[in-house]
């Protein structure tokens, strides 16, 4: 007796190979398009940001400024302390309302 050959059911293979290939290429094309769109968007955003005149502050340029170091702004440091100038610069960069709150908390 010879054994019958096994039957491979149609469900084991890919039923619609053209449909799967089309879906795969649509997804690849969509992702490529979205990547190009994102690159163009960020180029425009960052280009406008730099064209707006934004420049990072130069820490060397701040060394020549005349900053009044008072005990009020230098607290908790002394006026002659090395870091008092930095603390005063931060204090003077606060808004008047923020300065008032800082002074109220110190009392």
N, C-alpha and C. Protein backbone atom coordinates (compact mmCIF):
# COMPACT_ATOMS: atom_id res chain seq x y z
N UNK A 1 0.81 -1.18 0.00
CA UNK A 1 0.00 0.00 0.00
C UNK A 1 0.87 1.26 0.00
N UNK A 2 0.54 2.17 -0.81
CA UNK A 2 1.25 3.44 -0.85
C UNK A 2 0.46 4.46 -0.06
N UNK A 3 1.20 5.28 0.57
CA UNK A 3 0.54 6.29 1.39
C UNK A 3 0.16 7.49 0.52
N UNK A 4 -0.99 8.05 0.82
CA UNK A 4 -1.38 9.23 0.01
C UNK A 4 -0.51 10.43 0.37
N UNK A 5 -0.27 11.28 -0.60
CA UNK A 5 0.55 12.47 -0.36
C UNK A 5 -0.24 13.47 0.48
N UNK A 6 0.46 14.16 1.41
CA UNK A 6 -0.28 15.11 2.24
C UNK A 6 -0.80 16.27 1.39
N UNK A 7 -1.96 16.70 1.76
CA UNK A 7 -2.59 17.81 1.05
C UNK A 7 -2.28 19.10 1.81
N UNK A 8 -1.74 20.07 1.11
CA UNK A 8 -1.45 21.36 1.73
C UNK A 8 -2.68 22.24 1.54
N UNK A 9 -3.22 22.66 2.63
CA UNK A 9 -4.44 23.47 2.51
C UNK A 9 -4.09 24.86 2.00
N UNK A 10 -5.05 25.49 1.40
CA UNK A 10 -4.83 26.81 0.82
C UNK A 10 -4.61 27.87 1.89
N UNK A 11 -5.03 27.61 3.12
CA UNK A 11 -4.90 28.61 4.18
C UNK A 11 -3.47 28.74 4.67
N UNK A 12 -2.59 27.78 4.35
CA UNK A 12 -1.22 27.85 4.81
C UNK A 12 -0.37 28.81 3.99
N UNK A 13 -0.74 29.05 2.78
CA UNK A 13 0.01 29.97 1.93
C UNK A 13 -0.59 31.37 2.05
N UNK A 14 0.07 32.33 1.39
CA UNK A 14 -0.46 33.69 1.37
C UNK A 14 -1.59 33.70 0.35
N UNK A 15 -2.75 34.12 0.81
CA UNK A 15 -3.92 34.07 -0.06
C UNK A 15 -3.88 35.15 -1.14
N UNK A 16 -3.48 36.35 -0.74
CA UNK A 16 -3.51 37.47 -1.67
C UNK A 16 -2.14 38.14 -1.71
N UNK A 17 -1.18 37.55 -2.40
CA UNK A 17 0.18 38.12 -2.37
C UNK A 17 0.25 39.53 -2.96
N UNK A 18 -0.54 39.81 -3.96
CA UNK A 18 -0.51 41.15 -4.55
C UNK A 18 -1.05 42.18 -3.57
N UNK A 19 -2.08 41.83 -2.84
CA UNK A 19 -2.66 42.75 -1.86
C UNK A 19 -1.66 43.04 -0.74
N UNK A 20 -1.00 42.02 -0.24
CA UNK A 20 0.00 42.22 0.81
C UNK A 20 1.17 43.08 0.31
N UNK A 21 1.61 42.85 -0.90
CA UNK A 21 2.70 43.64 -1.48
C UNK A 21 2.26 45.09 -1.64
N UNK A 22 1.02 45.30 -2.08
CA UNK A 22 0.52 46.67 -2.24
C UNK A 22 0.43 47.38 -0.90
N UNK A 23 -0.07 46.68 0.12
CA UNK A 23 -0.17 47.29 1.46
C UNK A 23 1.22 47.61 2.01
N UNK A 24 2.17 46.71 1.82
CA UNK A 24 3.53 46.93 2.29
C UNK A 24 4.13 48.18 1.65
N UNK A 25 3.99 48.33 0.34
CA UNK A 25 4.58 49.47 -0.35
C UNK A 25 3.84 50.77 -0.05
N UNK A 26 2.56 50.67 0.23
CA UNK A 26 1.81 51.88 0.65
C UNK A 26 2.32 52.35 2.00
N UNK A 27 2.57 51.43 2.92
CA UNK A 27 3.08 51.79 4.24
C UNK A 27 4.48 52.39 4.11
N UNK A 28 5.33 51.78 3.30
CA UNK A 28 6.70 52.31 3.12
C UNK A 28 6.65 53.70 2.50
N UNK A 29 5.82 53.90 1.50
CA UNK A 29 5.72 55.22 0.86
C UNK A 29 5.16 56.26 1.83
N UNK A 30 4.17 55.86 2.65
CA UNK A 30 3.59 56.80 3.62
C UNK A 30 4.61 57.22 4.66
N UNK A 31 5.38 56.27 5.16
CA UNK A 31 6.40 56.60 6.15
C UNK A 31 7.49 57.49 5.57
N UNK A 32 7.87 57.21 4.32
CA UNK A 32 8.87 58.06 3.66
C UNK A 32 8.34 59.47 3.49
N UNK A 33 7.09 59.59 3.06
CA UNK A 33 6.47 60.90 2.89
C UNK A 33 6.39 61.65 4.22
N UNK A 34 5.99 60.96 5.28
CA UNK A 34 5.91 61.60 6.60
C UNK A 34 7.29 62.03 7.09
N UNK A 35 8.32 61.24 6.82
CA UNK A 35 9.68 61.63 7.22
C UNK A 35 10.12 62.88 6.48
N UNK A 36 9.83 62.97 5.19
CA UNK A 36 10.18 64.17 4.43
C UNK A 36 9.38 65.38 4.90
N UNK A 37 8.12 65.16 5.21
CA UNK A 37 7.28 66.25 5.72
C UNK A 37 7.79 66.75 7.07
N UNK A 38 8.20 65.84 7.94
CA UNK A 38 8.74 66.24 9.25
C UNK A 38 10.06 66.99 9.08
N UNK A 39 10.90 66.54 8.16
CA UNK A 39 12.18 67.23 7.93
C UNK A 39 11.93 68.64 7.40
N UNK A 40 10.98 68.80 6.50
CA UNK A 40 10.66 70.13 5.98
C UNK A 40 10.09 71.02 7.08
N UNK A 41 9.22 70.46 7.91
CA UNK A 41 8.62 71.23 9.01
C UNK A 41 9.69 71.75 9.96
N UNK A 42 10.58 70.86 10.41
CA UNK A 42 11.60 71.29 11.37
C UNK A 42 12.62 72.23 10.74
N UNK A 43 12.86 72.07 9.45
CA UNK A 43 13.74 73.01 8.77
C UNK A 43 13.13 74.40 8.77
N UNK A 44 11.84 74.47 8.50
CA UNK A 44 11.16 75.77 8.52
C UNK A 44 11.11 76.35 9.93
N UNK A 45 10.77 75.53 10.91
CA UNK A 45 10.65 76.02 12.28
C UNK A 45 12.00 76.51 12.78
N UNK A 46 13.03 75.71 12.63
CA UNK A 46 14.34 76.11 13.13
C UNK A 46 14.94 77.22 12.29
N UNK A 47 14.63 77.26 11.00
CA UNK A 47 15.09 78.35 10.16
C UNK A 47 14.48 79.68 10.58
N UNK A 48 13.19 79.67 10.88
CA UNK A 48 12.52 80.89 11.35
C UNK A 48 13.05 81.28 12.73
N UNK A 49 13.36 80.29 13.55
CA UNK A 49 13.88 80.57 14.88
C UNK A 49 15.21 81.29 14.80
N UNK A 50 16.08 80.81 13.93
CA UNK A 50 17.39 81.45 13.81
C UNK A 50 17.29 82.78 13.06
N UNK A 51 16.35 82.88 12.13
CA UNK A 51 16.19 84.12 11.37
C UNK A 51 15.55 85.22 12.22
N UNK A 52 14.93 84.83 13.32
CA UNK A 52 14.28 85.83 14.17
C UNK A 52 15.30 86.65 14.96
N UNK A 53 16.55 86.31 14.85
CA UNK A 53 17.59 87.08 15.53
C UNK A 53 17.97 86.51 16.87
N UNK A 54 17.50 85.30 17.19
CA UNK A 54 17.86 84.69 18.47
C UNK A 54 19.33 84.36 18.48
N UNK A 55 19.99 84.78 19.51
CA UNK A 55 21.40 84.44 19.71
C UNK A 55 21.58 84.09 21.17
N UNK A 56 22.32 83.04 21.42
CA UNK A 56 22.61 82.66 22.80
C UNK A 56 23.53 83.72 23.41
N UNK A 57 23.37 83.92 24.69
CA UNK A 57 24.19 84.94 25.34
C UNK A 57 25.63 84.48 25.40
N UNK A 58 26.52 85.41 25.27
CA UNK A 58 27.94 85.12 25.32
C UNK A 58 28.41 85.37 26.75
N UNK A 59 28.82 84.32 27.48
CA UNK A 59 29.21 84.53 28.87
C UNK A 59 30.42 85.43 29.03
N UNK A 60 31.27 85.52 28.02
CA UNK A 60 32.45 86.38 28.12
C UNK A 60 32.04 87.84 28.06
N UNK A 61 30.96 88.14 27.33
CA UNK A 61 30.55 89.54 27.20
C UNK A 61 30.00 90.09 28.51
N UNK A 62 29.54 89.24 29.39
CA UNK A 62 28.99 89.71 30.66
C UNK A 62 30.04 90.07 31.69
N UNK A 63 31.31 89.82 31.41
CA UNK A 63 32.35 90.08 32.40
C UNK A 63 32.62 91.56 32.58
N UNK A 64 32.36 92.38 31.55
CA UNK A 64 32.67 93.80 31.65
C UNK A 64 31.53 94.65 32.16
N UNK A 65 30.40 94.05 32.49
CA UNK A 65 29.25 94.85 32.91
C UNK A 65 29.45 95.36 34.33
N UNK A 66 28.93 96.53 34.59
CA UNK A 66 29.00 97.13 35.92
C UNK A 66 27.75 96.74 36.68
N UNK A 67 27.88 95.84 37.60
CA UNK A 67 26.76 95.33 38.36
C UNK A 67 26.93 95.75 39.81
N UNK A 68 25.91 96.38 40.35
CA UNK A 68 25.97 96.82 41.74
C UNK A 68 25.75 95.62 42.65
N UNK A 69 26.75 95.30 43.46
CA UNK A 69 26.64 94.18 44.38
C UNK A 69 26.28 94.74 45.75
N UNK A 70 25.05 94.50 46.14
CA UNK A 70 24.56 95.00 47.43
C UNK A 70 24.29 93.81 48.34
N UNK A 71 24.22 94.04 49.64
CA UNK A 71 23.89 92.93 50.54
C UNK A 71 22.49 92.36 50.27
N UNK A 72 21.60 93.20 49.77
CA UNK A 72 20.23 92.76 49.46
C UNK A 72 20.23 91.72 48.35
N UNK A 73 21.00 91.95 47.28
CA UNK A 73 21.00 91.00 46.16
C UNK A 73 21.95 89.84 46.39
N UNK A 74 23.00 90.03 47.15
CA UNK A 74 24.01 88.99 47.33
C UNK A 74 23.65 88.00 48.43
N UNK A 75 22.60 88.25 49.19
CA UNK A 75 22.23 87.36 50.28
C UNK A 75 22.07 85.96 49.77
N UNK A 76 22.57 84.96 50.39
CA UNK A 76 23.15 84.81 51.72
C UNK A 76 24.66 85.00 51.73
N UNK A 77 25.23 85.42 50.60
CA UNK A 77 26.67 85.61 50.52
C UNK A 77 27.02 87.03 50.95
N UNK A 78 28.26 87.23 51.22
CA UNK A 78 28.74 88.57 51.55
C UNK A 78 29.04 89.34 50.27
N UNK A 79 29.13 90.66 50.39
CA UNK A 79 29.37 91.51 49.23
C UNK A 79 30.73 91.22 48.60
N UNK A 80 31.69 90.84 49.39
CA UNK A 80 33.04 90.57 48.89
C UNK A 80 33.26 89.12 48.46
N UNK A 81 32.22 88.31 48.54
CA UNK A 81 32.34 86.90 48.16
C UNK A 81 32.52 86.79 46.63
N UNK A 82 33.26 85.78 46.22
CA UNK A 82 33.56 85.59 44.80
C UNK A 82 32.29 85.36 43.97
N UNK A 83 31.31 84.64 44.50
CA UNK A 83 30.09 84.31 43.75
C UNK A 83 28.98 85.34 43.92
N UNK A 84 29.21 86.41 44.64
CA UNK A 84 28.18 87.41 44.89
C UNK A 84 27.71 88.07 43.59
N UNK A 85 28.60 88.26 42.65
CA UNK A 85 28.23 88.89 41.39
C UNK A 85 27.23 88.02 40.63
N UNK A 86 27.44 86.72 40.63
CA UNK A 86 26.53 85.80 39.95
C UNK A 86 25.17 85.79 40.63
N UNK A 87 25.17 85.78 41.96
CA UNK A 87 23.91 85.78 42.71
C UNK A 87 23.15 87.08 42.44
N UNK A 88 23.86 88.21 42.39
CA UNK A 88 23.21 89.49 42.11
C UNK A 88 22.67 89.53 40.68
N UNK A 89 23.39 88.96 39.75
CA UNK A 89 22.91 88.93 38.37
C UNK A 89 21.60 88.15 38.30
N UNK A 90 21.51 87.02 39.00
CA UNK A 90 20.27 86.25 39.02
C UNK A 90 19.16 87.05 39.70
N UNK A 91 19.49 87.74 40.77
CA UNK A 91 18.50 88.53 41.50
C UNK A 91 17.95 89.65 40.62
N UNK A 92 18.82 90.33 39.89
CA UNK A 92 18.38 91.45 39.04
C UNK A 92 17.65 90.98 37.79
N UNK A 93 17.79 89.72 37.42
CA UNK A 93 17.03 89.18 36.28
C UNK A 93 15.60 88.80 36.66
N UNK A 94 15.26 88.84 37.94
CA UNK A 94 13.91 88.55 38.37
C UNK A 94 13.00 89.73 38.05
N UNK A 95 11.71 89.45 37.93
CA UNK A 95 10.74 90.53 37.76
C UNK A 95 10.57 91.23 39.11
N UNK A 96 10.04 92.45 39.13
CA UNK A 96 9.83 93.13 40.40
C UNK A 96 8.95 92.35 41.38
N UNK A 97 7.95 91.66 40.86
CA UNK A 97 7.09 90.85 41.75
C UNK A 97 7.88 89.69 42.36
N UNK A 98 8.73 89.06 41.55
CA UNK A 98 9.53 87.95 42.06
C UNK A 98 10.55 88.45 43.08
N UNK A 99 11.12 89.62 42.85
CA UNK A 99 12.06 90.18 43.82
C UNK A 99 11.36 90.45 45.14
N UNK A 100 10.15 90.99 45.07
CA UNK A 100 9.40 91.28 46.30
C UNK A 100 9.12 89.99 47.07
N UNK A 101 8.78 88.92 46.34
CA UNK A 101 8.52 87.65 47.02
C UNK A 101 9.79 87.09 47.66
N UNK A 102 10.92 87.23 46.98
CA UNK A 102 12.19 86.75 47.53
C UNK A 102 12.54 87.52 48.81
N UNK A 103 12.39 88.84 48.74
CA UNK A 103 12.70 89.66 49.92
C UNK A 103 11.75 89.36 51.07
N UNK A 104 10.47 89.10 50.76
CA UNK A 104 9.50 88.77 51.82
C UNK A 104 9.84 87.43 52.47
N UNK A 105 10.31 86.48 51.71
CA UNK A 105 10.68 85.18 52.29
C UNK A 105 11.93 85.26 53.15
N UNK A 106 12.80 86.20 52.82
CA UNK A 106 14.03 86.31 53.60
C UNK A 106 13.77 86.87 55.00
N UNK A 107 12.72 87.63 55.17
CA UNK A 107 12.44 88.26 56.46
C UNK A 107 11.76 87.33 57.42
